[in-house]
Amino acid sequence: MDTHIRKLTYESNKREEVIKDFVKKINGEYLSPLVFKLNSERWLVDFHPSTHSKDIIVEEKDASHYDKFLLVMEGAQSSEIVGWTDKKQLVSVPARDIYRTGRKHFIVHDTKGLSVKIFGEKSPIFDIEHIFLFNKLILYLILNYFLC
């Protein structure tokens, strides 16, 4: 019988409910729908619509204020916690103006994303600027550490 947790799915699309429940399960300290503390580390929650890529995207000015970054995908009826990264990985690549707004963002890509499935190592995420990547195994490991 497989008792390991690979991802967390919530039958809610309310950010506050999702994060409060997650933080309670891992014995963290809820600070806001976007921020919590765990083992004295500050976490920023990066919410994306479920139709968006599973890349963690953090504005350059925000990165220095947090230790770790959690990705939550929001659907019309539910939300999924799908991955995380730490500050060292996040800032290891140059920030870029990906939205062409004049504000730079750091990005950590999903190694199991659609472009990787289609193009393999020829995917645009496998270039010199994208050395650090995450996948669902990382979430699996952290969730089992805290919840089992």
Protein backbone atom coordinates (compact mmCIF):
# COMPACT_ATOMS: atom_id res chain seq x y z
CA MET A 1 0.00 0.00 0.00
CA ASP A 2 1.41 3.39 -1.06
CA THR A 3 0.98 5.93 1.76
CA HIS A 4 3.32 8.58 0.35
CA ILE A 5 1.93 11.99 -0.55
CA ARG A 6 2.99 13.22 -3.99
CA LYS A 7 1.02 16.46 -4.07
CA LEU A 8 -1.64 18.18 -2.05
CA THR A 9 -4.97 18.94 -3.66
CA TYR A 10 -7.55 21.15 -1.97
CA GLU A 11 -11.19 21.27 -2.97
CA SER A 12 -11.06 25.02 -2.59
CA ASN A 13 -9.77 27.89 -4.63
CA LYS A 14 -9.62 30.25 -1.66
CA ARG A 15 -5.98 31.13 -1.09
CA GLU A 16 -6.31 31.76 2.61
CA GLU A 17 -8.01 28.39 3.28
CA VAL A 18 -5.45 26.46 1.26
CA ILE A 19 -2.39 28.04 2.86
CA LYS A 20 -3.82 27.96 6.41
CA ASP A 21 -4.53 24.24 6.09
CA PHE A 22 -1.13 23.47 4.55
CA VAL A 23 0.74 25.46 7.21
CA LYS A 24 -1.23 23.72 9.96
CA LYS A 25 -0.33 20.28 8.53
CA ILE A 26 3.39 21.08 8.50
CA ASN A 27 3.33 22.82 11.92
CA GLY A 28 4.32 26.15 10.44
CA GLU A 29 3.25 29.68 11.35
CA TYR A 30 0.65 31.31 9.10
CA LEU A 31 1.41 34.99 8.44
CA SER A 32 -0.80 35.80 5.42
CA PRO A 33 -2.23 34.08 2.32
CA LEU A 34 1.16 34.70 0.66
CA VAL A 35 3.61 34.21 3.55
CA PHE A 36 4.30 31.64 6.27
CA LYS A 37 7.17 30.57 8.51
CA LEU A 38 8.55 27.08 8.94
CA ASN A 39 11.58 26.31 11.12
CA SER A 40 12.36 30.06 11.29
CA GLU A 41 12.45 30.34 7.48
CA ARG A 42 10.13 32.74 5.66
CA TRP A 43 8.24 31.24 2.71
CA LEU A 44 6.58 33.18 -0.12
CA VAL A 45 3.68 31.50 -1.88
CA ASP A 46 3.61 31.90 -5.67
CA PHE A 47 0.06 31.37 -6.96
CA HIS A 48 -0.57 30.60 -10.64
CA PRO A 49 -3.74 29.70 -12.52
CA SER A 50 -3.90 25.99 -13.37
CA THR A 51 -3.52 26.90 -17.05
CA HIS A 52 -0.17 28.62 -16.40
CA SER A 53 3.21 26.87 -16.54
CA LYS A 54 4.40 25.18 -13.37
CA ASP A 55 7.37 27.51 -13.08
CA ILE A 56 8.12 29.39 -9.87
CA ILE A 57 8.32 33.08 -10.76
CA VAL A 58 9.36 35.67 -8.17
CA GLU A 59 9.90 39.37 -8.71
CA GLU A 60 13.52 40.37 -8.14
CA LYS A 61 12.69 42.90 -5.41
CA ASP A 62 10.82 40.21 -3.39
CA ALA A 63 13.41 37.43 -3.55
CA SER A 64 15.70 38.79 -0.85
CA HIS A 65 12.92 38.92 1.76
CA TYR A 66 12.23 35.15 1.77
CA ASP A 67 14.14 31.91 2.26
CA LYS A 68 11.93 29.55 0.26
CA PHE A 69 9.21 29.74 -2.38
CA LEU A 70 6.14 27.49 -2.72
CA LEU A 71 4.14 27.06 -5.95
CA VAL A 72 0.35 26.68 -5.76
CA MET A 73 -1.72 26.12 -8.90
CA GLU A 74 -5.27 27.51 -8.71
CA GLY A 75 -8.17 26.04 -10.66
CA ALA A 76 -11.80 27.09 -10.82
CA GLN A 77 -12.80 24.64 -8.08
CA SER A 78 -9.57 23.43 -6.47
CA SER A 79 -5.92 24.22 -5.78
CA GLU A 80 -2.77 22.08 -5.85
CA ILE A 81 0.54 22.56 -4.09
CA VAL A 82 3.00 21.29 -6.69
CA GLY A 83 6.56 22.40 -5.91
CA TRP A 84 9.02 24.63 -4.10
CA THR A 85 12.54 26.00 -4.29
CA ASP A 86 14.98 27.84 -2.05
CA LYS A 87 16.54 31.28 -2.44
CA LYS A 88 19.94 29.91 -3.48
CA GLN A 89 18.44 28.12 -6.48
CA LEU A 90 16.10 30.97 -7.32
CA VAL A 91 18.75 33.68 -7.49
CA SER A 92 21.40 31.47 -9.13
CA VAL A 93 20.18 32.57 -12.55
CA PRO A 94 19.94 36.17 -13.75
CA ALA A 95 16.59 37.89 -13.26
CA ARG A 96 14.86 38.81 -16.50
CA ASP A 97 12.07 41.11 -17.63
CA ILE A 98 9.87 38.22 -18.76
CA TYR A 99 6.64 40.22 -18.83
CA ARG A 100 8.23 43.27 -20.56
CA THR A 101 7.10 45.59 -17.79
CA GLY A 102 10.53 46.84 -16.70
CA ARG A 103 10.43 44.62 -13.59
CA LYS A 104 12.77 41.65 -13.45
CA HIS A 105 11.80 38.18 -12.21
CA PHE A 106 13.67 35.06 -11.18
CA ILE A 107 12.34 31.78 -12.61
CA VAL A 108 12.75 28.13 -11.57
CA HIS A 109 11.36 25.78 -14.24
CA ASP A 110 9.41 22.53 -13.91
CA THR A 111 11.53 19.66 -15.28
CA LYS A 112 8.37 17.68 -16.06
CA GLY A 113 6.72 20.47 -18.05
CA LEU A 114 5.22 20.18 -21.53
CA SER A 115 8.22 21.67 -23.36
CA VAL A 116 10.51 19.09 -21.73
CA LYS A 117 8.18 16.25 -22.69
CA ILE A 118 8.12 17.44 -26.30
CA PHE A 119 11.71 18.65 -26.81
CA GLY A 120 13.66 16.80 -24.12
CA GLU A 121 17.04 18.42 -23.45
CA LYS A 122 16.52 20.65 -26.50
CA SER A 123 13.76 22.38 -24.54
CA PRO A 124 14.38 26.10 -24.06
CA ILE A 125 14.51 25.62 -20.28
CA PHE A 126 17.78 23.67 -20.59
CA ASP A 127 20.11 26.55 -21.32
CA ILE A 128 22.98 28.08 -19.38
CA GLU A 129 20.62 30.33 -17.39
CA HIS A 130 18.41 27.45 -16.23
CA ILE A 131 20.70 25.12 -14.35
CA PHE A 132 18.42 24.74 -11.32
CA LEU A 133 15.06 23.12 -11.89
CA PHE A 134 12.42 21.42 -9.75
CA ASN A 135 9.99 18.59 -10.21
CA LYS A 136 7.24 16.85 -8.30
CA LEU A 137 9.74 14.55 -6.59
CA ILE A 138 10.92 17.52 -4.52
CA LEU A 139 7.38 18.15 -3.28
CA TYR A 140 6.93 14.43 -2.63
CA LEU A 141 10.04 14.39 -0.42
CA ILE A 142 9.18 17.50 1.60
CA LEU A 143 5.55 16.54 2.12
CA ASN A 144 6.47 13.08 3.34
CA TYR A 145 9.04 14.56 5.68
CA PHE A 146 6.49 16.86 7.31
CA LEU A 147 3.29 14.84 7.04
CA CYS A 148 4.33 11.23 7.64
